[in-house]
Amino acid sequence: MTYNAHQILDLMFDYNDNVALLENLRAETTVGAGIAQYGIEATMPKAQGETGDPVFREYVRRNRAFSRYGEITEKLLPIQNFVESPDYDLQLDLTNKVILDLTLDGQSQRAIARIVNMSYQNVQKKQLVIAGVIAKTT
């Protein structure tokens, strides 16, 4: 899929949240189901229209989580592919690399501006330039 600069910019801003969400989904899908019923609940009739098998219901829930896992991974790939490519070193200077890294870490534009000692408007412009460079390589 090809992205324009504004779509890449949105992916850059959402990158840190998507990584955290992906880590949570990964941790959630590796934990065991842990479903057991004891006492009176085990003998009670189940609601109509639903499967009474809690393990199957957990399987269905995890399948949905796994499909979200793929969608989130697709959002991360354009940026990860760029950072790992030779274009990262060839087309970005040190300031732009720092701005990209801080953006991917979830820093606000004002925080980035304080760190790199420039106005937040200049940070916005540089982020758009970086997004344009990434868009050309995807």
Protein backbone atom coordinates (compact mmCIF):
# COMPACT_ATOMS: atom_id res chain seq x y z
CA MET A 1 0.00 0.00 0.00
CA THR A 2 1.24 3.49 -0.78
CA TYR A 3 0.83 6.31 1.69
CA ASN A 4 0.90 10.06 1.29
CA ALA A 5 2.82 12.34 3.66
CA HIS A 6 -0.20 13.13 5.85
CA GLN A 7 -1.06 9.45 6.27
CA ILE A 8 2.56 8.72 7.24
CA LEU A 9 2.43 11.63 9.70
CA ASP A 10 -0.66 10.06 11.33
CA LEU A 11 1.16 6.71 11.50
CA MET A 12 4.15 8.45 13.11
CA PHE A 13 1.97 10.09 15.77
CA ASP A 14 0.14 6.81 16.51
CA TYR A 15 3.29 4.66 16.44
CA ASN A 16 4.00 4.58 20.19
CA ASP A 17 0.37 3.83 21.09
CA ASN A 18 0.20 1.07 18.47
CA VAL A 19 3.39 -0.55 19.77
CA ALA A 20 1.99 -0.51 23.31
CA LEU A 21 -1.31 -1.96 22.10
CA LEU A 22 0.53 -4.67 20.18
CA GLU A 23 2.55 -5.58 23.27
CA ASN A 24 -0.65 -5.84 25.31
CA LEU A 25 -2.34 -8.01 22.68
CA ARG A 26 0.70 -10.26 22.50
CA ALA A 27 0.78 -10.65 26.28
CA GLU A 28 -2.97 -11.30 26.38
CA THR A 29 -2.88 -14.00 23.72
CA THR A 30 -0.07 -15.90 25.42
CA VAL A 31 -1.83 -16.20 28.78
CA GLY A 32 -3.84 -19.41 29.30
CA ALA A 33 -7.61 -19.38 29.21
CA GLY A 34 -7.98 -20.22 32.90
CA ILE A 35 -11.69 -20.93 32.58
CA ALA A 36 -13.30 -23.32 34.99
CA GLN A 37 -16.66 -23.46 36.67
CA TYR A 38 -17.23 -24.98 40.07
CA GLY A 39 -20.14 -25.41 42.40
CA ILE A 40 -23.66 -24.42 41.45
CA GLU A 41 -22.58 -22.43 38.35
CA ALA A 42 -21.22 -25.60 36.77
CA THR A 43 -24.60 -27.31 36.98
CA MET A 44 -26.79 -24.37 35.91
CA PRO A 45 -28.21 -24.37 32.38
CA LYS A 46 -26.55 -22.09 29.84
CA ALA A 47 -28.30 -19.22 28.04
CA GLN A 48 -29.95 -20.08 24.73
CA GLY A 49 -28.21 -18.98 21.54
CA GLU A 50 -24.72 -19.11 23.03
CA THR A 51 -22.28 -21.91 23.17
CA GLY A 52 -21.90 -23.31 26.64
CA ASP A 53 -18.24 -24.10 26.09
CA PRO A 54 -16.14 -21.39 27.75
CA VAL A 55 -12.97 -22.62 26.06
CA PHE A 56 -14.56 -22.18 22.63
CA ARG A 57 -15.73 -18.68 23.53
CA GLU A 58 -12.19 -17.82 24.63
CA TYR A 59 -10.89 -19.23 21.33
CA VAL A 60 -13.27 -16.96 19.38
CA ARG A 61 -12.24 -13.93 21.42
CA ARG A 62 -8.57 -14.63 20.84
CA ASN A 63 -9.15 -15.05 17.10
CA ARG A 64 -10.62 -11.55 17.02
CA ALA A 65 -7.62 -10.26 18.96
CA PHE A 66 -5.29 -11.98 16.51
CA SER A 67 -6.97 -10.25 13.54
CA ARG A 68 -6.46 -6.88 15.30
CA TYR A 69 -2.84 -7.88 15.80
CA GLY A 70 -2.40 -8.06 12.00
CA GLU A 71 -4.09 -4.71 11.43
CA ILE A 72 -1.86 -2.96 13.96
CA THR A 73 1.27 -4.60 12.55
CA GLU A 74 0.39 -3.25 9.09
CA LYS A 75 0.28 0.27 10.53
CA LEU A 76 3.78 -0.11 11.98
CA LEU A 77 5.49 -1.64 8.95
CA PRO A 78 5.99 1.44 6.70
CA ILE A 79 7.87 3.29 9.42
CA GLN A 80 9.83 0.25 10.61
CA ASN A 81 10.84 -0.59 7.04
CA PHE A 82 12.06 2.97 6.49
CA VAL A 83 14.07 3.10 9.73
CA GLU A 84 15.77 -0.20 8.83
CA SER A 85 16.49 0.85 5.23
CA PRO A 86 19.59 2.66 3.92
CA ASP A 87 17.32 5.63 3.08
CA TYR A 88 17.13 6.42 6.79
CA ASP A 89 20.82 7.31 6.91
CA LEU A 90 21.00 8.76 3.40
CA GLN A 91 17.98 11.06 3.41
CA LEU A 92 17.73 12.26 7.02
CA ASP A 93 20.19 14.45 8.85
CA LEU A 94 20.87 14.07 12.57
CA THR A 95 18.20 16.59 13.65
CA ASN A 96 15.52 14.88 11.57
CA LYS A 97 16.54 11.47 12.96
CA VAL A 98 16.21 12.80 16.51
CA ILE A 99 12.82 14.34 15.72
CA LEU A 100 11.62 11.09 14.15
CA ASP A 101 12.82 9.00 17.09
CA LEU A 102 11.20 11.32 19.63
CA THR A 103 7.96 11.36 17.63
CA LEU A 104 7.94 7.55 17.51
CA ASP A 105 8.56 7.51 21.27
CA GLY A 106 5.31 9.45 21.72
CA GLN A 107 6.76 12.85 22.64
CA SER A 108 4.60 15.92 21.97
CA GLN A 109 5.71 18.52 19.45
CA ARG A 110 6.36 21.02 22.23
CA ALA A 111 8.49 18.52 24.16
CA ILE A 112 10.47 17.72 21.01
CA ALA A 113 10.92 21.45 20.38
CA ARG A 114 12.40 21.89 23.86
CA ILE A 115 14.74 18.93 23.39
CA VAL A 116 16.08 19.99 19.97
CA ASN A 117 15.97 23.71 20.83
CA MET A 118 13.66 24.97 18.09
CA SER A 119 10.11 26.26 17.84
CA TYR A 120 7.30 23.73 17.72
CA GLN A 121 6.25 25.16 14.33
CA ASN A 122 9.66 24.17 12.96
CA VAL A 123 9.22 20.73 14.51
CA GLN A 124 5.87 20.43 12.71
CA LYS A 125 7.49 21.39 9.40
CA LYS A 126 10.34 18.92 9.89
CA GLN A 127 7.89 16.13 10.82
CA LEU A 128 6.01 16.78 7.58
CA VAL A 129 9.28 16.70 5.61
CA ILE A 130 10.22 13.41 7.31
CA ALA A 131 6.78 11.99 6.51
CA GLY A 132 7.24 13.04 2.87
CA VAL A 133 10.58 11.23 2.71
CA ILE A 134 9.03 8.09 4.19
CA ALA A 135 6.06 8.33 1.79
CA LYS A 136 8.42 8.42 -1.20
CA THR A 137 10.12 5.22 -0.09
CA THR A 138 6.93 3.20 0.52
